[in-house]
Amino acid sequence: MPRQAYHSVKNQELFIEHRFLEPELCAWLREEVDHAPLKAAAVNRGDRGGRTTDVKSRKTKRADVSAEAMAEMGGRLDTLMPRLVGHFGPPLTEYQPPHFLRYDEGHFFGPHEDTGPEPDLPEKIRLRRVSAVVFLNAHDDYDGGVLRFLDPRIEIRGEEGLLVAFPATRRHEVTAVTRGRRYSLVSWFTASEGASAV
């Protein structure tokens, strides 16, 4: 299947690429996640300082995958950046290391944005312009776990290898997984301080 991109819903653009990762690579990355040390994923609390675990707003596990897996995804994200610049337009300068996530039953991530103007947010959070999510398994493997954008509401169900990129200011959530296990990774593309938001 050729790579495709779709966008523009009430001026809230999404960049969608099918088969950004091939099935064999997705399977290998899922194994990496399952065999890696796991820890509770944190949330950013600018008004409280730093990152914290808050199971009322986010419950999922982050995997400390191998250097080989990080390098493989680094190469893929390098090739993605020019397409994101062409789609969204900002002068993106780099990407942040991806987070590999595993959502087990009951795991979710409540409504949030991936950046914000709060001066006490860490600089690396304030510089985010584009967020990218890659699904590592298909929705047939689990129930729930929908990537949901708010205002306007758009729901995206998992598809193995699917990439969804969007402005880091776009409010979104991951609904609770009610069966099975959802694997994904996320990264953020940044711009220099003062560069306009998407």
Protein backbone atom coordinates (compact mmCIF):
# COMPACT_ATOMS: atom_id res chain seq x y z
CA MET A 1 0.00 0.00 0.00
CA PRO A 2 1.45 3.42 -0.88
CA ARG A 3 1.97 5.95 1.85
CA GLN A 4 -0.85 8.47 2.05
CA ALA A 5 -1.51 11.65 4.00
CA TYR A 6 -4.85 13.16 4.90
CA HIS A 7 -5.44 16.45 6.68
CA SER A 8 -7.64 19.44 7.43
CA VAL A 9 -10.59 19.20 9.76
CA LYS A 10 -11.83 22.69 10.67
CA ASN A 11 -8.25 23.99 10.28
CA GLN A 12 -6.93 21.39 12.75
CA GLU A 13 -4.55 19.46 10.56
CA LEU A 14 -3.55 15.86 10.97
CA PHE A 15 -0.83 14.08 9.03
CA ILE A 16 -1.57 10.37 8.62
CA GLU A 17 0.76 7.86 7.02
CA HIS A 18 -0.22 4.22 6.64
CA ARG A 19 2.54 1.64 6.99
CA PHE A 20 5.06 4.13 8.28
CA LEU A 21 6.57 1.03 9.88
CA GLU A 22 6.39 -2.40 8.27
CA PRO A 23 4.77 -5.32 10.17
CA GLU A 24 8.07 -7.11 10.83
CA LEU A 25 9.54 -4.03 12.48
CA CYS A 26 6.39 -3.49 14.56
CA ALA A 27 6.57 -7.11 15.78
CA TRP A 28 10.23 -6.68 16.75
CA LEU A 29 9.50 -3.43 18.60
CA ARG A 30 6.64 -5.06 20.52
CA GLU A 31 9.07 -7.77 21.64
CA GLU A 32 11.54 -5.06 22.65
CA VAL A 33 8.86 -3.42 24.79
CA ASP A 34 7.82 -6.69 26.43
CA HIS A 35 11.41 -7.59 27.34
CA ALA A 36 12.46 -4.11 28.47
CA PRO A 37 12.27 -2.68 31.99
CA LEU A 38 8.91 -0.93 32.42
CA LYS A 39 8.01 2.04 34.60
CA ALA A 40 4.92 4.15 35.10
CA ALA A 41 4.76 6.92 32.50
CA ALA A 42 4.78 10.41 34.00
CA VAL A 43 2.85 13.59 33.24
CA ASN A 44 4.19 17.14 33.07
CA ARG A 45 2.96 19.49 35.77
CA GLY A 46 4.25 22.94 34.94
CA ASP A 47 2.41 24.61 37.80
CA ARG A 48 3.83 22.07 40.27
CA GLY A 49 7.24 21.71 38.68
CA GLY A 50 8.76 18.76 36.91
CA ARG A 51 7.22 15.42 35.97
CA THR A 52 5.12 13.26 38.23
CA THR A 53 3.09 10.07 38.19
CA ASP A 54 -0.63 10.81 38.38
CA VAL A 55 -2.80 7.73 37.85
CA LYS A 56 -5.93 9.90 37.81
CA SER A 57 -4.84 11.52 34.53
CA ARG A 58 -2.51 8.90 33.04
CA LYS A 59 -1.94 5.21 33.58
CA THR A 60 0.41 3.42 31.21
CA LYS A 61 3.89 1.91 31.16
CA ARG A 62 6.98 3.29 29.44
CA ALA A 63 9.61 0.80 28.26
CA ASP A 64 13.36 1.39 28.42
CA VAL A 65 14.10 -0.31 25.10
CA SER A 66 17.52 -1.18 23.71
CA ALA A 67 19.89 1.27 22.05
CA GLU A 68 19.35 -0.68 18.82
CA ALA A 69 15.59 -0.04 18.91
CA MET A 70 16.13 3.65 19.69
CA ALA A 71 18.61 3.96 16.80
CA GLU A 72 16.23 2.25 14.37
CA MET A 73 13.43 4.65 15.25
CA GLY A 74 15.81 7.59 15.16
CA GLY A 75 16.54 6.84 11.52
CA ARG A 76 12.82 6.63 10.73
CA LEU A 77 12.08 9.92 12.47
CA ASP A 78 14.94 11.61 10.59
CA THR A 79 13.30 10.67 7.28
CA LEU A 80 9.90 11.82 8.54
CA MET A 81 10.91 15.37 9.49
CA PRO A 82 11.00 16.85 5.95
CA ARG A 83 7.48 15.54 5.27
CA LEU A 84 6.21 17.11 8.49
CA VAL A 85 7.84 20.43 7.60
CA GLY A 86 6.20 20.26 4.19
CA HIS A 87 2.82 19.55 5.76
CA PHE A 88 2.78 21.77 8.83
CA GLY A 89 5.19 24.48 7.71
CA PRO A 90 7.11 25.39 10.89
CA PRO A 91 10.92 25.38 10.91
CA LEU A 92 11.28 22.11 12.81
CA THR A 93 14.83 21.61 14.05
CA GLU A 94 14.95 18.17 15.69
CA TYR A 95 12.93 15.41 17.31
CA GLN A 96 12.90 14.27 20.91
CA PRO A 97 13.78 10.64 21.68
CA PRO A 98 10.71 8.44 21.28
CA HIS A 99 8.84 7.00 24.24
CA PHE A 100 7.79 3.37 23.82
CA LEU A 101 4.47 2.78 25.59
CA ARG A 102 2.44 -0.25 26.59
CA TYR A 103 -1.20 0.15 27.57
CA ASP A 104 -2.51 -2.86 29.49
CA GLU A 105 -6.15 -3.33 30.51
CA GLY A 106 -7.32 -0.29 32.45
CA HIS A 107 -4.56 1.95 31.10
CA PHE A 108 -5.41 5.34 29.56
CA PHE A 109 -4.18 8.92 29.10
CA GLY A 110 -6.73 11.64 29.88
CA PRO A 111 -7.28 14.83 27.83
CA HIS A 112 -4.10 16.88 27.48
CA GLU A 113 -1.85 18.88 25.17
CA ASP A 114 1.81 18.01 24.57
CA THR A 115 3.06 21.56 25.01
CA GLY A 116 2.03 24.81 26.63
CA PRO A 117 3.08 28.42 27.23
CA GLU A 118 3.56 28.09 31.00
CA PRO A 119 6.99 29.53 31.86
CA ASP A 120 7.65 26.86 34.49
CA LEU A 121 7.27 24.02 31.99
CA PRO A 122 10.63 22.50 31.03
CA GLU A 123 12.07 24.09 27.90
CA LYS A 124 11.96 20.81 25.99
CA ILE A 125 8.17 20.73 26.51
CA ARG A 126 7.65 24.39 25.49
CA LEU A 127 9.62 23.86 22.25
CA ARG A 128 7.40 21.04 20.99
CA ARG A 129 5.55 21.93 17.78
CA VAL A 130 4.43 18.60 16.27
CA SER A 131 3.54 15.38 18.08
CA ALA A 132 3.81 12.00 16.37
CA VAL A 133 2.17 8.73 17.46
CA VAL A 134 2.98 5.38 15.84
CA PHE A 135 0.75 2.38 16.51
CA LEU A 136 2.73 -0.85 16.90
CA ASN A 137 -0.27 -3.19 16.81
CA ALA A 138 -3.75 -3.26 15.33
CA HIS A 139 -7.02 -2.49 17.09
CA ASP A 140 -8.07 -6.13 16.59
CA ASP A 141 -5.62 -6.96 19.42
CA TYR A 142 -7.44 -4.83 21.99
CA ASP A 143 -10.62 -2.92 22.81
CA GLY A 144 -10.64 0.74 23.79
CA GLY A 145 -7.32 2.54 23.50
CA VAL A 146 -8.68 4.96 20.91
CA LEU A 147 -6.62 8.05 20.04
CA ARG A 148 -9.28 10.74 20.38
CA PHE A 149 -8.90 14.38 19.38
CA LEU A 150 -11.19 16.93 20.97
CA ASP A 151 -12.84 20.04 19.50
CA PRO A 152 -13.49 18.92 16.83
CA ARG A 153 -13.79 15.29 17.86
CA ILE A 154 -11.90 12.78 15.72
CA GLU A 155 -11.25 9.17 16.73
CA ILE A 156 -8.45 7.01 15.34
CA ARG A 157 -8.27 3.29 16.01
CA GLY A 158 -5.01 1.40 15.95
CA GLU A 159 -3.55 0.08 12.72
CA GLU A 160 -0.18 -1.67 12.77
CA GLY A 161 2.51 0.74 11.58
CA LEU A 162 0.16 3.74 11.33
CA LEU A 163 1.65 7.18 12.00
CA VAL A 164 -0.49 10.11 13.14
CA ALA A 165 1.16 13.53 13.53
CA PHE A 166 -0.58 16.66 14.77
CA PRO A 167 0.10 20.08 16.31
CA ALA A 168 1.44 19.65 19.84
CA THR A 169 -1.17 22.18 21.00
CA ARG A 170 -4.01 19.89 19.85
CA ARG A 171 -5.99 18.51 22.80
CA HIS A 172 -6.26 14.72 22.71
CA GLU A 173 -6.55 11.60 24.84
CA VAL A 174 -6.17 7.81 24.76
CA THR A 175 -9.33 6.08 25.99
CA ALA A 176 -9.07 3.22 28.47
CA VAL A 177 -8.03 -0.18 27.17
CA THR A 178 -10.72 -2.68 28.17
CA ARG A 179 -9.25 -5.83 26.61
CA GLY A 180 -5.82 -6.88 25.38
CA ARG A 181 -2.72 -4.74 25.10
CA ARG A 182 -1.99 -1.61 23.04
CA TYR A 183 1.57 -0.81 21.92
CA SER A 184 2.64 2.56 20.58
CA LEU A 185 5.46 5.03 20.52
CA VAL A 186 5.41 8.81 20.64
CA SER A 187 7.89 11.53 19.74
CA TRP A 188 7.82 15.30 19.41
CA PHE A 189 9.37 17.56 16.80
CA THR A 190 10.66 20.85 18.10
CA ALA A 191 11.45 24.35 16.91
CA SER A 192 13.70 27.03 18.37
CA GLU A 193 12.38 29.36 21.07
CA GLY A 194 10.24 32.07 19.53
CA ALA A 195 9.27 30.08 16.44
CA SER A 196 5.54 30.23 15.81
CA ALA A 197 3.32 27.37 16.88
CA VAL A 198 1.63 25.14 14.32
